[in-house]
Protein backbone atom coordinates (compact mmCIF):
# COMPACT_ATOMS: atom_id res chain seq x y z
CA VAL A 1 -74.66 139.23 -2.21
CA VAL A 2 -72.09 138.99 -4.67
CA ASP A 3 -69.46 138.31 -1.85
CA PHE A 4 -71.22 135.60 -0.15
CA GLY A 5 -72.51 134.37 -3.65
CA GLY A 6 -68.72 134.26 -4.93
CA MET A 7 -67.75 132.47 -1.28
CA MET A 8 -70.51 129.57 -1.79
CA VAL A 9 -69.06 129.10 -5.43
CA GLY A 10 -65.54 128.73 -3.97
CA ALA A 11 -66.63 126.26 -1.20
CA ALA A 12 -68.56 124.10 -3.74
CA VAL A 13 -65.35 124.12 -5.91
CA ASP A 14 -63.28 122.86 -2.94
CA MET A 15 -65.86 120.36 -2.03
CA GLY A 16 -65.06 119.18 -5.72
CA LYS A 17 -61.94 119.19 -6.18
CA ALA A 18 -61.72 117.28 -2.67
CA ALA A 19 -64.10 114.53 -3.40
CA ASP A 20 -62.13 113.97 -6.91
CA ALA A 21 -58.72 113.79 -5.32
CA SER A 22 -60.45 111.50 -2.92
CA ASP A 23 -61.96 109.45 -5.49
CA ARG A 24 -58.22 108.86 -7.35
CA LEU A 25 -56.64 107.90 -4.04
CA ARG A 26 -59.59 105.50 -3.61
CA SER A 27 -58.83 103.64 -7.10
CA SER A 28 -55.14 103.59 -5.77
CA PHE A 29 -55.81 102.19 -2.72
CA ASP A 30 -58.26 99.57 -3.83
CA GLY A 31 -55.55 98.41 -6.17
CA LEU A 32 -52.62 98.32 -4.16
CA ALA A 33 -54.40 96.44 -1.48
CA ALA A 34 -55.82 93.98 -4.17
CA GLY A 35 -52.26 93.81 -5.47
CA ALA A 36 -51.21 92.43 -1.86
CA GLY A 37 -54.27 90.05 -1.53
CA VAL A 38 -56.18 91.86 0.94
CA SER A 39 -59.39 93.62 1.27
CA SER A 40 -59.43 97.40 1.48
CA SER A 41 -62.42 97.89 3.23
CA GLU A 42 -61.09 95.26 5.76
CA ILE A 43 -57.64 97.81 5.96
CA MET A 44 -59.73 101.13 6.28
CA THR A 45 -62.45 99.45 8.85
CA ARG A 46 -59.41 98.01 10.97
CA LEU A 47 -57.60 101.63 10.44
CA LYS A 48 -60.73 103.78 11.52
CA GLN A 49 -61.52 101.48 14.67
CA ALA A 50 -57.60 102.06 15.38
CA SER A 51 -57.69 105.74 14.73
CA GLY A 52 -60.42 106.29 17.37
CA GLY A 53 -62.41 108.49 14.11
CA ALA A 54 -58.97 110.87 14.72
CA ILE A 55 -58.17 110.48 11.00
CA ALA A 56 -59.72 111.42 7.95
CA GLU A 57 -60.70 108.91 5.45
CA TYR A 58 -57.87 110.51 3.20
CA ASP A 59 -55.34 110.94 5.09
CA LEU A 60 -55.60 107.37 6.17
CA MET A 61 -55.97 105.78 2.80
CA LEU A 62 -52.79 107.92 2.18
CA ALA A 63 -50.53 106.59 4.44
CA ALA A 64 -51.90 103.14 3.90
CA ASN A 65 -50.46 103.47 0.51
CA LYS A 66 -47.34 104.89 1.76
CA ALA A 67 -47.41 101.41 4.25
CA MET A 68 -47.87 99.23 1.09
CA ILE A 69 -45.76 100.80 -1.25
CA LEU A 70 -42.79 101.04 1.42
CA GLY A 71 -43.46 97.49 2.01
CA VAL A 72 -44.52 98.16 5.32
CA ALA A 73 -47.03 96.43 6.52
CA ASP A 74 -49.76 94.43 3.87
CA SER A 75 -52.76 93.24 6.21
CA ALA A 76 -55.40 94.88 8.22
CA ASP A 77 -53.84 93.83 11.74
CA GLU A 78 -50.58 95.27 10.65
CA MET A 79 -51.94 98.50 9.63
CA GLY A 80 -54.27 98.23 13.15
CA LYS A 81 -51.26 97.63 14.78
CA LEU A 82 -49.22 100.47 13.57
CA MET A 83 -51.74 102.75 13.93
CA GLU A 84 -52.09 101.89 18.08
CA ILE A 85 -48.59 102.72 18.21
CA ALA A 86 -48.64 105.72 16.63
CA ARG A 87 -51.72 106.93 18.41
CA THR A 88 -49.94 105.76 21.72
CA ARG A 89 -46.39 107.51 20.78
CA GLY A 90 -47.93 110.55 19.36
CA ALA A 91 -49.78 111.35 22.48
CA ALA A 92 -46.53 110.82 24.41
CA MET A 93 -44.80 113.21 22.22
CA GLY A 94 -47.52 116.01 21.54
CA LEU A 95 -48.15 115.19 17.75
CA SER A 96 -51.56 114.46 16.34
CA ALA A 97 -52.44 110.83 15.26
CA THR A 98 -52.05 111.78 11.38
CA GLN A 99 -48.51 113.04 11.98
CA ALA A 100 -47.33 110.18 14.19
CA PHE A 101 -49.00 107.41 11.81
CA ASN A 102 -47.15 109.05 8.87
CA ASP A 103 -44.04 109.56 10.71
CA LEU A 104 -44.28 106.05 11.63
CA VAL A 105 -44.51 104.59 8.27
CA THR A 106 -42.19 106.41 7.29
CA GLY A 107 -40.04 105.90 9.50
CA LEU A 108 -39.95 102.05 9.02
CA GLY A 109 -39.92 102.31 5.17
CA ARG A 110 -37.06 104.40 4.86
CA GLY A 111 -35.19 102.51 8.12
CA SER A 112 -34.59 105.46 9.42
CA ALA A 113 -33.91 105.13 13.10
CA LEU A 114 -34.02 109.31 13.57
CA ILE A 115 -37.66 109.20 12.75
CA LEU A 116 -38.21 106.37 14.76
CA ASP A 117 -36.62 107.85 17.82
CA ASN A 118 -38.60 110.93 17.31
CA LEU A 119 -41.55 108.90 18.47
CA GLY A 120 -39.49 107.33 21.32
CA ILE A 121 -39.25 104.17 19.62
CA VAL A 122 -35.78 102.81 20.19
CA VAL A 123 -34.75 99.82 18.30
CA ASP A 124 -31.03 98.15 18.19
CA ALA A 125 -30.60 97.74 14.70
CA GLU A 126 -27.83 95.37 15.16
CA ALA A 127 -29.96 92.79 17.82
CA THR A 128 -33.04 92.94 15.67
CA ASN A 129 -31.15 91.98 12.57
CA ALA A 130 -29.49 88.89 14.33
CA ALA A 131 -33.14 88.09 16.20
CA TYR A 132 -34.64 88.07 12.65
CA ALA A 133 -31.73 86.68 10.49
CA GLU A 134 -31.74 83.34 12.98
CA SER A 135 -35.61 83.03 12.53
CA ILE A 136 -35.04 82.56 8.49
CA GLY A 137 -32.29 80.71 8.68
CA LYS A 138 -29.91 83.29 6.98
CA THR A 139 -26.60 85.49 8.31
CA VAL A 140 -26.86 88.95 9.26
CA ALA A 141 -24.57 89.91 6.24
CA GLN A 142 -27.23 87.53 4.12
CA LEU A 143 -30.35 89.65 4.62
CA THR A 144 -31.40 91.93 1.82
CA GLU A 145 -32.73 95.21 2.39
CA GLN A 146 -36.23 94.19 2.63
CA GLU A 147 -35.38 91.44 4.95
CA LYS A 148 -34.03 94.39 7.32
CA LYS A 149 -36.99 96.44 6.79
CA GLN A 150 -39.53 93.34 7.52
CA ALA A 151 -36.84 92.78 11.12
CA LEU A 152 -37.46 96.57 12.12
CA VAL A 153 -41.38 96.36 11.26
CA ASN A 154 -41.47 93.08 13.60
CA ALA A 155 -39.24 94.79 16.31
CA THR A 156 -41.65 97.51 16.16
CA LEU A 157 -44.70 96.11 15.97
CA LYS A 158 -44.44 94.61 19.88
CA GLU A 159 -44.83 97.82 20.56
CA ALA A 160 -48.82 96.73 20.47
CA THR A 161 -49.60 95.64 23.82
CA GLY A 162 -53.23 95.94 23.16
CA GLN A 163 -53.61 98.37 25.91
CA ALA A 164 -56.00 100.71 26.09
CA MET A 165 -55.03 103.99 23.62
CA PRO A 166 -55.37 108.03 24.76
CA ALA A 167 -58.55 108.90 23.92
CA ALA A 168 -58.60 110.61 20.76
CA SER A 169 -58.86 114.42 21.10
CA ALA A 170 -62.10 116.01 20.24
CA TYR A 171 -60.27 118.47 17.74
CA GLU A 172 -59.38 115.43 15.83
CA ARG A 173 -62.18 113.79 15.67
CA MET A 174 -64.09 116.84 14.45
CA GLY A 175 -61.88 117.68 11.80
CA ALA A 176 -61.46 114.20 10.36
CA ALA A 177 -65.33 114.48 10.76
CA MET A 178 -65.25 117.89 8.79
CA ALA A 179 -63.16 116.46 5.88
CA ASP A 180 -65.11 113.70 5.68
CA MET A 181 -67.97 115.42 5.28
CA LYS A 182 -66.48 117.65 2.94
CA VAL A 183 -65.32 115.00 0.56
CA GLU A 184 -69.13 113.09 0.72
CA LEU A 185 -70.92 116.64 -0.29
CA GLY A 186 -68.64 117.07 -3.42
CA ASP A 187 -69.17 113.43 -4.11
CA LEU A 188 -73.09 114.44 -3.41
CA PHE A 189 -72.71 117.45 -5.90
CA GLY A 190 -70.01 116.13 -7.96
CA PRO A 191 -71.78 116.22 -11.28
CA ALA A 192 -73.22 119.50 -11.07
CA ILE A 193 -69.84 121.18 -9.75
CA THR A 194 -68.05 119.59 -12.63
CA ALA A 195 -70.87 120.63 -15.22
CA ALA A 196 -70.57 124.05 -13.88
CA ALA A 197 -66.77 124.25 -13.89
CA ASN A 198 -67.09 122.86 -17.18
CA MET A 199 -68.84 126.25 -18.26
CA ILE A 200 -66.55 128.03 -16.32
CA ALA A 201 -63.63 127.22 -18.39
CA GLN A 202 -65.39 126.97 -21.51
CA GLY A 203 -66.11 131.08 -20.78
CA ILE A 204 -62.93 132.25 -19.56
CA GLY A 205 -61.39 130.19 -23.10
CA ALA A 206 -64.11 132.25 -24.82
CA ILE A 207 -62.94 135.74 -23.62
CA ASN A 208 -59.33 134.96 -23.88
CA ASP A 209 -59.79 133.45 -27.74
CA SER A 210 -61.72 137.08 -27.94
CA LEU A 211 -59.03 138.98 -26.71
CA GLU A 212 -56.31 137.25 -28.63
CA LEU A 213 -54.54 139.97 -30.89
CA PRO A 214 -54.59 139.38 -34.57
CA ALA A 215 -50.83 138.44 -36.07
């Protein structure tokens, strides 16, 4: 009974931590989206649709934040297209949708041909930069690093053909649903969990104080 009680307390604390982390990440997600002049709810809706339920909401927010911070994408449409590319390439390379999307965003954000190559995406940087430079009335030498990154993003977005994507794995969907449920339960029982954690912290603090040796 004691062991079971300990397991239940541990599970409750884990749910509380998950909910707290999700709330803090959501606040950052909302702020970044607002700064880019887009709706965070629209981005999330598009990502969930494109992911086929294979990625937990926490991981979607994490990747979306990275995409906006690195200047890879700042609209729901671009986010959705990147997700479609990630799912298609991930399935071909034996990667989970979560890893494939994260790798794609990281590869584009860093301008890393190696990371993109691991997803089977090969882009001719010289030709891509030349075409983009011409489209904005510049020479390749005049392109800024951000413009070169945008050229790479534009070239990669062409991979989104709109064709039917591979079905999400049942295990991926189950894992994502369980992760989302953990956060929702943490939000539901959050106040009680927080109160209990504070009481435990105070109790342990009192014990520590009582164990302190006199100077």
